[in-house]
Amino acid sequence: TGLGGTQRQQADAVLARDPDNWEARAFLARVRAALGQHDLAKRDLDELQQQFPDDPEVLLEVARNRAAIGDYAGAQGMGDAIKRHPDYRTPVEVLIGQTHLRQGQPQQAIPLL
């Protein structure tokens, strides 16, 4: 069934019942990214960000996915938006620190990690 076959079918079934289920949509974006379909994954993430602009859980998931597809600037931008939510400050700082490390910028990462 390929990468995430059963899980992808489950996500598709969830979306058939609830097209706005952000967790299933984020999972499908991760599957697309893993399959090398970065443009489709980015489109999915853009749609999630537009639909849920103030939900910190959605924004954190979008930021993680952006980092996973190599969109480090997008991930850092999302991190800045999420920082408005104090409960999410630590996961965002870790994400941004990891992003700096992936970009070969350890000096910017150290204070965040």
C-alpha atoms as a PDB file:
ATOM      1  CA  THR A   1       0.000   0.000   0.000  1.00  0.00           C
ATOM      2  CA  GLY A   2       3.027   2.278  -0.062  1.00  0.00           C
ATOM      3  CA  LEU A   3       4.094   4.928   2.391  1.00  0.00           C
ATOM      4  CA  GLY A   4       1.481   5.351   5.100  1.00  0.00           C
ATOM      5  CA  GLY A   5      -1.007   3.359   3.001  1.00  0.00           C
ATOM      6  CA  THR A   6      -3.373   2.257   5.739  1.00  0.00           C
ATOM      7  CA  GLN A   7      -2.983   5.502   7.672  1.00  0.00           C
ATOM      8  CA  ARG A   8      -3.504   7.482   4.488  1.00  0.00           C
ATOM      9  CA  GLN A   9      -6.697   5.556   3.781  1.00  0.00           C
ATOM     10  CA  GLN A  10      -7.850   6.283   7.325  1.00  0.00           C
ATOM     11  CA  ALA A  11      -7.064   9.986   6.887  1.00  0.00           C
ATOM     12  CA  ASP A  12      -8.964   9.998   3.585  1.00  0.00           C
ATOM     13  CA  ALA A  13     -11.950   8.375   5.338  1.00  0.00           C
ATOM     14  CA  VAL A  14     -11.819  10.994   8.106  1.00  0.00           C
ATOM     15  CA  LEU A  15     -11.687  13.791   5.535  1.00  0.00           C
ATOM     16  CA  ALA A  16     -14.633  12.302   3.645  1.00  0.00           C
ATOM     17  CA  ARG A  17     -16.686  12.732   6.844  1.00  0.00           C
ATOM     18  CA  ASP A  18     -15.019  15.931   8.065  1.00  0.00           C
ATOM     19  CA  PRO A  19     -13.184  17.894   5.339  1.00  0.00           C
ATOM     20  CA  ASP A  20     -11.984  20.472   7.881  1.00  0.00           C
ATOM     21  CA  ASN A  21     -10.181  17.963  10.116  1.00  0.00           C
ATOM     22  CA  TRP A  22      -6.810  19.684  10.360  1.00  0.00           C
ATOM     23  CA  GLU A  23      -4.989  16.683  11.828  1.00  0.00           C
ATOM     24  CA  ALA A  24      -5.894  14.447   8.879  1.00  0.00           C
ATOM     25  CA  ARG A  25      -5.000  17.217   6.434  1.00  0.00           C
ATOM     26  CA  ALA A  26      -1.634  17.775   8.154  1.00  0.00           C
ATOM     27  CA  PHE A  27      -0.936  14.039   8.015  1.00  0.00           C
ATOM     28  CA  LEU A  28      -1.612  14.000   4.276  1.00  0.00           C
ATOM     29  CA  ALA A  29       0.776  16.939   3.859  1.00  0.00           C
ATOM     30  CA  ARG A  30       3.460  14.898   5.683  1.00  0.00           C
ATOM     31  CA  VAL A  31       2.800  11.916   3.402  1.00  0.00           C
ATOM     32  CA  ARG A  32       3.095  14.111   0.317  1.00  0.00           C
ATOM     33  CA  ALA A  33       6.349  15.599   1.605  1.00  0.00           C
ATOM     34  CA  ALA A  34       7.746  12.121   2.284  1.00  0.00           C
ATOM     35  CA  LEU A  35       6.829  11.124  -1.265  1.00  0.00           C
ATOM     36  CA  GLY A  36       8.737  14.156  -2.590  1.00  0.00           C
ATOM     37  CA  GLN A  37       5.562  16.032  -3.528  1.00  0.00           C
ATOM     38  CA  HIS A  38       6.745  19.215  -1.827  1.00  0.00           C
ATOM     39  CA  ASP A  39       4.630  21.588  -3.920  1.00  0.00           C
ATOM     40  CA  LEU A  40       1.457  19.714  -2.984  1.00  0.00           C
ATOM     41  CA  ALA A  41       2.524  19.525   0.659  1.00  0.00           C
ATOM     42  CA  LYS A  42       3.224  23.256   0.698  1.00  0.00           C
ATOM     43  CA  ARG A  43      -0.177  23.967  -0.864  1.00  0.00           C
ATOM     44  CA  ASP A  44      -1.851  21.852   1.825  1.00  0.00           C
ATOM     45  CA  LEU A  45       0.042  23.714   4.548  1.00  0.00           C
ATOM     46  CA  ASP A  46      -0.841  27.104   3.063  1.00  0.00           C
ATOM     47  CA  GLU A  47      -4.518  26.117   3.101  1.00  0.00           C
ATOM     48  CA  LEU A  48      -4.318  24.976   6.721  1.00  0.00           C
ATOM     49  CA  GLN A  49      -2.610  28.198   7.742  1.00  0.00           C
ATOM     50  CA  GLN A  50      -5.288  30.266   5.997  1.00  0.00           C
ATOM     51  CA  GLN A  51      -8.144  28.269   7.481  1.00  0.00           C
ATOM     52  CA  PHE A  52      -6.800  28.252  11.055  1.00  0.00           C
ATOM     53  CA  PRO A  53      -4.703  31.439  11.359  1.00  0.00           C
ATOM     54  CA  ASP A  54      -5.000  31.717  15.147  1.00  0.00           C
ATOM     55  CA  ASP A  55      -4.970  28.091  16.291  1.00  0.00           C
ATOM     56  CA  PRO A  56      -1.554  27.476  17.871  1.00  0.00           C
ATOM     57  CA  GLU A  57      -1.743  23.680  17.490  1.00  0.00           C
ATOM     58  CA  VAL A  58      -2.426  23.982  13.783  1.00  0.00           C
ATOM     59  CA  LEU A  59       0.260  26.624  13.358  1.00  0.00           C
ATOM     60  CA  LEU A  60       2.820  24.483  15.196  1.00  0.00           C
ATOM     61  CA  GLU A  61       1.971  21.503  12.975  1.00  0.00           C
ATOM     62  CA  VAL A  62       2.282  23.689   9.878  1.00  0.00           C
ATOM     63  CA  ALA A  63       5.644  24.996  11.112  1.00  0.00           C
ATOM     64  CA  ARG A  64       6.939  21.465  11.741  1.00  0.00           C
ATOM     65  CA  ASN A  65       5.836  20.377   8.296  1.00  0.00           C
ATOM     66  CA  ARG A  66       7.392  23.427   6.656  1.00  0.00           C
ATOM     67  CA  ALA A  67      10.701  22.589   8.323  1.00  0.00           C
ATOM     68  CA  ALA A  68      10.374  18.973   7.184  1.00  0.00           C
ATOM     69  CA  ILE A  69      10.069  20.022   3.529  1.00  0.00           C
ATOM     70  CA  GLY A  70      12.997  22.427   3.821  1.00  0.00           C
ATOM     71  CA  ASP A  71      10.936  25.640   4.039  1.00  0.00           C
ATOM     72  CA  TYR A  72      12.968  26.957   6.966  1.00  0.00           C
ATOM     73  CA  ALA A  73      11.982  30.592   6.505  1.00  0.00           C
ATOM     74  CA  GLY A  74       8.330  29.550   6.505  1.00  0.00           C
ATOM     75  CA  ALA A  75       8.846  27.490   9.660  1.00  0.00           C
ATOM     76  CA  GLN A  76      10.528  30.400  11.431  1.00  0.00           C
ATOM     77  CA  GLY A  77       7.763  32.768  10.322  1.00  0.00           C
ATOM     78  CA  MET A  78       5.170  30.391  11.717  1.00  0.00           C
ATOM     79  CA  GLY A  79       7.169  30.184  14.919  1.00  0.00           C
ATOM     80  CA  ASP A  80       6.973  33.937  15.297  1.00  0.00           C
ATOM     81  CA  ALA A  81       3.180  33.781  14.890  1.00  0.00           C
ATOM     82  CA  ILE A  82       2.861  30.983  17.451  1.00  0.00           C
ATOM     83  CA  LYS A  83       4.902  32.860  20.066  1.00  0.00           C
ATOM     84  CA  ARG A  84       1.786  34.964  20.716  1.00  0.00           C
ATOM     85  CA  HIS A  85       0.508  31.896  22.589  1.00  0.00           C
ATOM     86  CA  PRO A  86       2.571  31.571  25.796  1.00  0.00           C
ATOM     87  CA  ASP A  87       1.817  27.852  26.275  1.00  0.00           C
ATOM     88  CA  TYR A  88       3.520  27.111  22.956  1.00  0.00           C
ATOM     89  CA  ARG A  89       6.676  29.160  23.474  1.00  0.00           C
ATOM     90  CA  THR A  90       8.952  26.214  24.396  1.00  0.00           C
ATOM     91  CA  PRO A  91       7.988  23.915  21.489  1.00  0.00           C
ATOM     92  CA  VAL A  92       8.352  26.833  19.100  1.00  0.00           C
ATOM     93  CA  GLU A  93      11.787  27.752  20.400  1.00  0.00           C
ATOM     94  CA  VAL A  94      12.913  24.129  20.035  1.00  0.00           C
ATOM     95  CA  LEU A  95      11.534  24.020  16.489  1.00  0.00           C
ATOM     96  CA  ILE A  96      13.271  27.264  15.538  1.00  0.00           C
ATOM     97  CA  GLY A  97      16.498  26.052  17.184  1.00  0.00           C
ATOM     98  CA  GLN A  98      16.341  22.821  15.182  1.00  0.00           C
ATOM     99  CA  THR A  99      15.712  24.833  12.044  1.00  0.00           C
ATOM    100  CA  HIS A 100      18.831  26.912  12.700  1.00  0.00           C
ATOM    101  CA  LEU A 101      20.840  23.716  13.173  1.00  0.00           C
ATOM    102  CA  ARG A 102      19.571  22.324   9.851  1.00  0.00           C
ATOM    103  CA  GLN A 103      20.678  25.549   8.197  1.00  0.00           C
ATOM    104  CA  GLY A 104      24.160  25.250   9.693  1.00  0.00           C
ATOM    105  CA  GLN A 105      23.640  28.118  12.150  1.00  0.00           C
ATOM    106  CA  PRO A 106      24.482  26.615  15.544  1.00  0.00           C
ATOM    107  CA  GLN A 107      25.177  29.970  17.191  1.00  0.00           C
ATOM    108  CA  GLN A 108      21.547  31.060  16.616  1.00  0.00           C
ATOM    109  CA  ALA A 109      20.288  27.645  17.769  1.00  0.00           C
ATOM    110  CA  ILE A 110      22.136  27.386  21.088  1.00  0.00           C
ATOM    111  CA  PRO A 111      20.149  30.012  23.029  1.00  0.00           C
ATOM    112  CA  LEU A 112      16.884  28.419  21.912  1.00  0.00           C
ATOM    113  CA  LEU A 113      17.807  24.845  22.753  1.00  0.00           C
END
